[in-house]
C-alpha atoms as a PDB file:
ATOM      1  CA  UNK A   1     147.213 105.922 127.824  1.00  0.00           C
ATOM      2  CA  UNK A   2     147.229 101.929 128.172  1.00  0.00           C
ATOM      3  CA  UNK A   3     145.233  99.637 125.833  1.00  0.00           C
ATOM      4  CA  UNK A   4     142.548  99.285 128.595  1.00  0.00           C
ATOM      5  CA  UNK A   5     141.743 102.857 128.612  1.00  0.00           C
ATOM      6  CA  UNK A   6     141.433 103.060 124.635  1.00  0.00           C
ATOM      7  CA  UNK A   7     139.206 100.581 124.838  1.00  0.00           C
ATOM      8  CA  UNK A   8     137.358 102.114 127.170  1.00  0.00           C
ATOM      9  CA  UNK A   9     137.253 105.056 125.624  1.00  0.00           C
ATOM     10  CA  UNK A  10     136.013 103.683 122.024  1.00  0.00           C
ATOM     11  CA  UNK A  11     133.376 101.578 123.880  1.00  0.00           C
ATOM     12  CA  UNK A  12     132.358 104.846 125.906  1.00  0.00           C
ATOM     13  CA  UNK A  13     132.217 106.922 122.479  1.00  0.00           C
ATOM     14  CA  UNK A  14     130.186 103.898 120.827  1.00  0.00           C
ATOM     15  CA  UNK A  15     127.757 103.837 123.493  1.00  0.00           C
ATOM     16  CA  UNK A  16     126.825 107.269 123.299  1.00  0.00           C
ATOM     17  CA  UNK A  17     126.465 107.443 119.564  1.00  0.00           C
ATOM     18  CA  UNK A  18     123.938 104.606 120.094  1.00  0.00           C
ATOM     19  CA  UNK A  19     122.245 106.505 122.969  1.00  0.00           C
ATOM     20  CA  UNK A  20     122.182 109.691 120.721  1.00  0.00           C
ATOM     21  CA  UNK A  21     120.338 107.563 117.759  1.00  0.00           C
ATOM     22  CA  UNK A  22     118.137 106.182 120.547  1.00  0.00           C
ATOM     23  CA  UNK A  23     116.976 110.201 121.857  1.00  0.00           C
ATOM     24  CA  UNK A  24     116.775 111.114 117.937  1.00  0.00           C
ATOM     25  CA  UNK A  25     114.171 108.577 117.279  1.00  0.00           C
ATOM     26  CA  UNK A  26     112.414 108.729 120.296  1.00  0.00           C
ATOM     27  CA  UNK A  27     112.223 112.803 120.129  1.00  0.00           C
ATOM     28  CA  UNK A  28     110.484 112.236 116.764  1.00  0.00           C
ATOM     29  CA  UNK A  29     107.541 110.640 117.785  1.00  0.00           C
ATOM     30  CA  UNK A  30     109.164 107.683 116.915  1.00  0.00           C
ATOM     31  CA  UNK A  31     106.312 104.932 118.615  1.00  0.00           C
ATOM     32  CA  UNK A  32     105.982 101.848 116.647  1.00  0.00           C
ATOM     33  CA  UNK A  33     102.442 102.569 114.280  1.00  0.00           C
ATOM     34  CA  UNK A  34      99.318 100.798 114.894  1.00  0.00           C
ATOM     35  CA  UNK A  35      99.338  97.660 112.541  1.00  0.00           C
ATOM     36  CA  UNK A  36      95.649  98.508 111.871  1.00  0.00           C
ATOM     37  CA  UNK A  37      96.934 101.494 109.967  1.00  0.00           C
ATOM     38  CA  UNK A  38      99.759 101.142 107.739  1.00  0.00           C
ATOM     39  CA  UNK A  39     101.825 104.461 106.414  1.00  0.00           C
ATOM     40  CA  UNK A  40     100.020 106.792 104.436  1.00  0.00           C
ATOM     41  CA  UNK A  41     101.976 108.884 101.590  1.00  0.00           C
ATOM     42  CA  UNK A  42     102.970 112.058 102.642  1.00  0.00           C
ATOM     43  CA  UNK A  43      99.871 114.553 101.491  1.00  0.00           C
ATOM     44  CA  UNK A  44      96.984 112.383 102.440  1.00  0.00           C
ATOM     45  CA  UNK A  45      94.043 114.176 103.896  1.00  0.00           C
ATOM     46  CA  UNK A  46      94.064 114.924 107.255  1.00  0.00           C
ATOM     47  CA  UNK A  47      90.934 115.869 109.836  1.00  0.00           C
ATOM     48  CA  UNK A  48      92.943 118.917 111.654  1.00  0.00           C
ATOM     49  CA  UNK A  49      91.089 120.044 115.026  1.00  0.00           C
ATOM     50  CA  UNK A  50      92.542 122.435 117.430  1.00  0.00           C
ATOM     51  CA  UNK A  51      91.781 120.665 120.781  1.00  0.00           C
ATOM     52  CA  UNK A  52      90.624 117.240 120.887  1.00  0.00           C
ATOM     53  CA  UNK A  53      88.870 115.604 117.904  1.00  0.00           C
ATOM     54  CA  UNK A  54      85.225 115.770 117.996  1.00  0.00           C
ATOM     55  CA  UNK A  55      84.745 112.150 116.597  1.00  0.00           C
ATOM     56  CA  UNK A  56      86.103 108.564 117.808  1.00  0.00           C
ATOM     57  CA  UNK A  57      89.682 108.036 117.056  1.00  0.00           C
ATOM     58  CA  UNK A  58      92.257 105.461 117.714  1.00  0.00           C
ATOM     59  CA  UNK A  59      95.424 107.098 119.239  1.00  0.00           C
ATOM     60  CA  UNK A  60      98.410 106.865 117.398  1.00  0.00           C
ATOM     61  CA  UNK A  61     100.904 109.057 119.430  1.00  0.00           C
ATOM     62  CA  UNK A  62     102.275 112.323 119.340  1.00  0.00           C
ATOM     63  CA  UNK A  63     104.248 113.819 116.271  1.00  0.00           C
ATOM     64  CA  UNK A  64     106.662 116.799 116.094  1.00  0.00           C
ATOM     65  CA  UNK A  65     108.354 118.288 113.389  1.00  0.00           C
ATOM     66  CA  UNK A  66     111.126 121.350 113.072  1.00  0.00           C
ATOM     67  CA  UNK A  67     110.465 123.474 110.118  1.00  0.00           C
ATOM     68  CA  UNK A  68     112.344 126.293 108.735  1.00  0.00           C
ATOM     69  CA  UNK A  69     109.665 129.217 108.672  1.00  0.00           C
ATOM     70  CA  UNK A  70     106.255 129.356 110.173  1.00  0.00           C
ATOM     71  CA  UNK A  71     103.165 129.133 108.299  1.00  0.00           C
ATOM     72  CA  UNK A  72     101.272 126.546 106.048  1.00  0.00           C
ATOM     73  CA  UNK A  73     104.208 124.547 104.701  1.00  0.00           C
ATOM     74  CA  UNK A  74     105.056 123.928 108.362  1.00  0.00           C
ATOM     75  CA  UNK A  75     101.849 122.748 109.155  1.00  0.00           C
ATOM     76  CA  UNK A  76     101.792 120.498 106.111  1.00  0.00           C
ATOM     77  CA  UNK A  77     104.941 119.003 107.515  1.00  0.00           C
ATOM     78  CA  UNK A  78     103.483 117.832 110.368  1.00  0.00           C
ATOM     79  CA  UNK A  79     100.206 116.728 108.542  1.00  0.00           C
ATOM     80  CA  UNK A  80     102.528 114.620 107.146  1.00  0.00           C
ATOM     81  CA  UNK A  81     103.827 113.021 109.910  1.00  0.00           C
ATOM     82  CA  UNK A  82     100.467 112.154 110.964  1.00  0.00           C
ATOM     83  CA  UNK A  83     100.216 110.373 107.563  1.00  0.00           C
ATOM     84  CA  UNK A  84     103.699 108.331 108.116  1.00  0.00           C
ATOM     85  CA  UNK A  85     101.925 107.257 111.145  1.00  0.00           C
ATOM     86  CA  UNK A  86      99.023 106.137 109.557  1.00  0.00           C
ATOM     87  CA  UNK A  87      96.813 108.526 110.870  1.00  0.00           C
ATOM     88  CA  UNK A  88      94.039 110.388 108.808  1.00  0.00           C
ATOM     89  CA  UNK A  89      93.181 113.079 112.111  1.00  0.00           C
ATOM     90  CA  UNK A  90      95.716 115.503 113.671  1.00  0.00           C
ATOM     91  CA  UNK A  91      94.382 116.906 116.962  1.00  0.00           C
ATOM     92  CA  UNK A  92      95.606 119.327 119.505  1.00  0.00           C
ATOM     93  CA  UNK A  93      97.135 121.955 116.956  1.00  0.00           C
ATOM     94  CA  UNK A  94      95.803 125.019 118.647  1.00  0.00           C
ATOM     95  CA  UNK A  95      98.369 124.165 121.333  1.00  0.00           C
ATOM     96  CA  UNK A  96     101.236 125.615 119.395  1.00  0.00           C
ATOM     97  CA  UNK A  97     102.031 129.482 118.717  1.00  0.00           C
ATOM     98  CA  UNK A  98     101.041 130.792 115.401  1.00  0.00           C
ATOM     99  CA  UNK A  99     104.879 131.669 114.951  1.00  0.00           C
ATOM    100  CA  UNK A 100     106.133 128.178 116.266  1.00  0.00           C
ATOM    101  CA  UNK A 101     108.754 126.672 113.837  1.00  0.00           C
ATOM    102  CA  UNK A 102     108.803 123.407 116.326  1.00  0.00           C
ATOM    103  CA  UNK A 103     105.104 122.162 115.643  1.00  0.00           C
ATOM    104  CA  UNK A 104     103.719 119.083 117.663  1.00  0.00           C
ATOM    105  CA  UNK A 105      99.805 117.453 117.678  1.00  0.00           C
ATOM    106  CA  UNK A 106      98.513 114.345 118.295  1.00  0.00           C
ATOM    107  CA  UNK A 107      98.070 111.793 115.363  1.00  0.00           C
ATOM    108  CA  UNK A 108      95.417 109.463 115.231  1.00  0.00           C
ATOM    109  CA  UNK A 109      93.051 107.312 112.962  1.00  0.00           C
ATOM    110  CA  UNK A 110      89.196 107.537 112.724  1.00  0.00           C
ATOM    111  CA  UNK A 111      87.744 104.697 114.751  1.00  0.00           C
ATOM    112  CA  UNK A 112      86.982 101.718 112.275  1.00  0.00           C
ATOM    113  CA  UNK A 113      83.704  99.781 111.896  1.00  0.00           C
ATOM    114  CA  UNK A 114      85.373  96.705 110.935  1.00  0.00           C
ATOM    115  CA  UNK A 115      86.306  94.558 114.343  1.00  0.00           C
ATOM    116  CA  UNK A 116      89.147  92.562 112.191  1.00  0.00           C
ATOM    117  CA  UNK A 117      89.164  89.833 109.668  1.00  0.00           C
ATOM    118  CA  UNK A 118      86.579  87.359 109.006  1.00  0.00           C
ATOM    119  CA  UNK A 119      86.425  83.529 107.621  1.00  0.00           C
ATOM    120  CA  UNK A 120      86.188  83.009 103.824  1.00  0.00           C
ATOM    121  CA  UNK A 121      82.899  82.179 102.585  1.00  0.00           C
ATOM    122  CA  UNK A 122      81.622  85.367 104.681  1.00  0.00           C
ATOM    123  CA  UNK A 123      78.463  87.730 103.178  1.00  0.00           C
ATOM    124  CA  UNK A 124      80.027  90.189 100.690  1.00  0.00           C
ATOM    125  CA  UNK A 125      77.741  92.368  98.586  1.00  0.00           C
ATOM    126  CA  UNK A 126      79.123  93.270  94.950  1.00  0.00           C
ATOM    127  CA  UNK A 127      79.049  96.434  93.616  1.00  0.00           C
ATOM    128  CA  UNK A 128      80.303  97.568  90.077  1.00  0.00           C
ATOM    129  CA  UNK A 129      80.079 100.831  90.914  1.00  0.00           C
ATOM    130  CA  UNK A 130      79.665 103.124  94.096  1.00  0.00           C
ATOM    131  CA  UNK A 131      77.764 100.858  97.007  1.00  0.00           C
ATOM    132  CA  UNK A 132      74.372 102.595  97.770  1.00  0.00           C
ATOM    133  CA  UNK A 133      74.806 102.481 101.028  1.00  0.00           C
ATOM    134  CA  UNK A 134      77.012 103.994 103.677  1.00  0.00           C
ATOM    135  CA  UNK A 135      80.402 102.635 104.109  1.00  0.00           C
ATOM    136  CA  UNK A 136      83.937 102.571 105.395  1.00  0.00           C
ATOM    137  CA  UNK A 137      86.634 101.909 103.043  1.00  0.00           C
ATOM    138  CA  UNK A 138      89.366  99.332 103.894  1.00  0.00           C
ATOM    139  CA  UNK A 139      91.429  99.589 101.008  1.00  0.00           C
ATOM    140  CA  UNK A 140      92.422  98.097  97.417  1.00  0.00           C
ATOM    141  CA  UNK A 141      91.591  94.104  97.261  1.00  0.00           C
ATOM    142  CA  UNK A 142      93.120  91.961  94.639  1.00  0.00           C
ATOM    143  CA  UNK A 143      92.427  88.072  93.761  1.00  0.00           C
ATOM    144  CA  UNK A 144      94.451  85.680  91.799  1.00  0.00           C
ATOM    145  CA  UNK A 145      92.825  83.078  89.860  1.00  0.00           C
ATOM    146  CA  UNK A 146      93.538  80.312  87.680  1.00  0.00           C
ATOM    147  CA  UNK A 147      93.616  80.981  83.905  1.00  0.00           C
ATOM    148  CA  UNK A 148      90.551  78.380  83.423  1.00  0.00           C
ATOM    149  CA  UNK A 149      88.624  79.678  86.531  1.00  0.00           C
ATOM    150  CA  UNK A 150      85.076  81.381  85.832  1.00  0.00           C
ATOM    151  CA  UNK A 151      84.181  84.632  86.310  1.00  0.00           C
ATOM    152  CA  UNK A 152      82.207  83.902  89.344  1.00  0.00           C
ATOM    153  CA  UNK A 153      84.973  81.319  91.045  1.00  0.00           C
ATOM    154  CA  UNK A 154      87.068  84.518  90.644  1.00  0.00           C
ATOM    155  CA  UNK A 155      84.838  86.942  92.050  1.00  0.00           C
ATOM    156  CA  UNK A 156      84.290  84.273  95.102  1.00  0.00           C
ATOM    157  CA  UNK A 157      87.978  84.656  95.678  1.00  0.00           C
ATOM    158  CA  UNK A 158      87.617  88.616  95.799  1.00  0.00           C
ATOM    159  CA  UNK A 159      84.997  88.168  97.979  1.00  0.00           C
ATOM    160  CA  UNK A 160      87.143  85.697 100.102  1.00  0.00           C
ATOM    161  CA  UNK A 161      89.657  88.280 100.238  1.00  0.00           C
ATOM    162  CA  UNK A 162      87.423  91.081 101.135  1.00  0.00           C
ATOM    163  CA  UNK A 163      86.248  88.906 104.303  1.00  0.00           C
ATOM    164  CA  UNK A 164      89.990  88.394 105.237  1.00  0.00           C
ATOM    165  CA  UNK A 165      90.238  92.484 105.296  1.00  0.00           C
ATOM    166  CA  UNK A 166      87.359  92.025 107.410  1.00  0.00           C
ATOM    167  CA  UNK A 167      84.950  93.745 104.642  1.00  0.00           C
ATOM    168  CA  UNK A 168      81.421  92.978 104.221  1.00  0.00           C
ATOM    169  CA  UNK A 169      81.057  94.886 100.811  1.00  0.00           C
ATOM    170  CA  UNK A 170      83.526  94.769  97.316  1.00  0.00           C
ATOM    171  CA  UNK A 171      83.108  97.901  95.010  1.00  0.00           C
ATOM    172  CA  UNK A 172      84.081  99.138  91.602  1.00  0.00           C
ATOM    173  CA  UNK A 173      84.805  95.738  90.792  1.00  0.00           C
ATOM    174  CA  UNK A 174      86.990  95.109  87.650  1.00  0.00           C
ATOM    175  CA  UNK A 175      87.923  91.810  85.765  1.00  0.00           C
ATOM    176  CA  UNK A 176      88.860  89.461  85.548  1.00  0.00           C
ATOM    177  CA  UNK A 177      91.974  89.962  83.112  1.00  0.00           C
ATOM    178  CA  UNK A 178      94.675  88.082  82.022  1.00  0.00           C
ATOM    179  CA  UNK A 179      98.093  88.381  83.881  1.00  0.00           C
ATOM    180  CA  UNK A 180     100.491  85.782  82.634  1.00  0.00           C
ATOM    181  CA  UNK A 181      99.089  82.631  82.982  1.00  0.00           C
ATOM    182  CA  UNK A 182      96.672  83.438  85.716  1.00  0.00           C
ATOM    183  CA  UNK A 183      93.780  86.161  85.909  1.00  0.00           C
ATOM    184  CA  UNK A 184      93.521  89.190  88.112  1.00  0.00           C
ATOM    185  CA  UNK A 185      90.358  90.503  89.497  1.00  0.00           C
ATOM    186  CA  UNK A 186      90.307  93.720  91.582  1.00  0.00           C
ATOM    187  CA  UNK A 187      87.907  95.896  93.554  1.00  0.00           C
ATOM    188  CA  UNK A 188      88.186  98.180  96.772  1.00  0.00           C
ATOM    189  CA  UNK A 189      86.958  96.524 100.264  1.00  0.00           C
ATOM    190  CA  UNK A 190      84.601  98.253 102.352  1.00  0.00           C
ATOM    191  CA  UNK A 191      82.630  97.551 105.926  1.00  0.00           C
ATOM    192  CA  UNK A 192      78.954  98.804 105.704  1.00  0.00           C
ATOM    193  CA  UNK A 193      78.211 101.346 109.059  1.00  0.00           C
END
């Protein structure tokens, strides 16, 4: 064998390994998740539909899992794959056989009310506890303020952070509490429906 053949063989082997890795990622529903919906932890709540969902959703693509045995653990595995995509809806589960060990579904997320970030200073309603109207939760929000800032200044920063997340409601507000040479105020950002 000549040196040229050895290099060619090594290059083909490297290419084959690379191609198999790409195929493995593509086969696992490896499409990039939607940036609007970050990955959620395993065990997150997921609404399941046997066919197309009866609600408006943003589609996040198909997911598939291979299980050792069929059953509820296998179904939970596919729901965890939906969570990893940032989804809260799994649909098309009825297309799988009851005894399937290769389970597929469509990952999706319920359509959001918010249309993206707002400018600082937008109007934000503040609630110490749960809001008094229907809202769609966006997630936790934190404001870091100077140690000598008043509660009102720190609260306005919390409201501004809520605006930047696309919210118009902040609830379950806590603080400000001292953290080192700063203050921190936290709450839950939401958007009214």
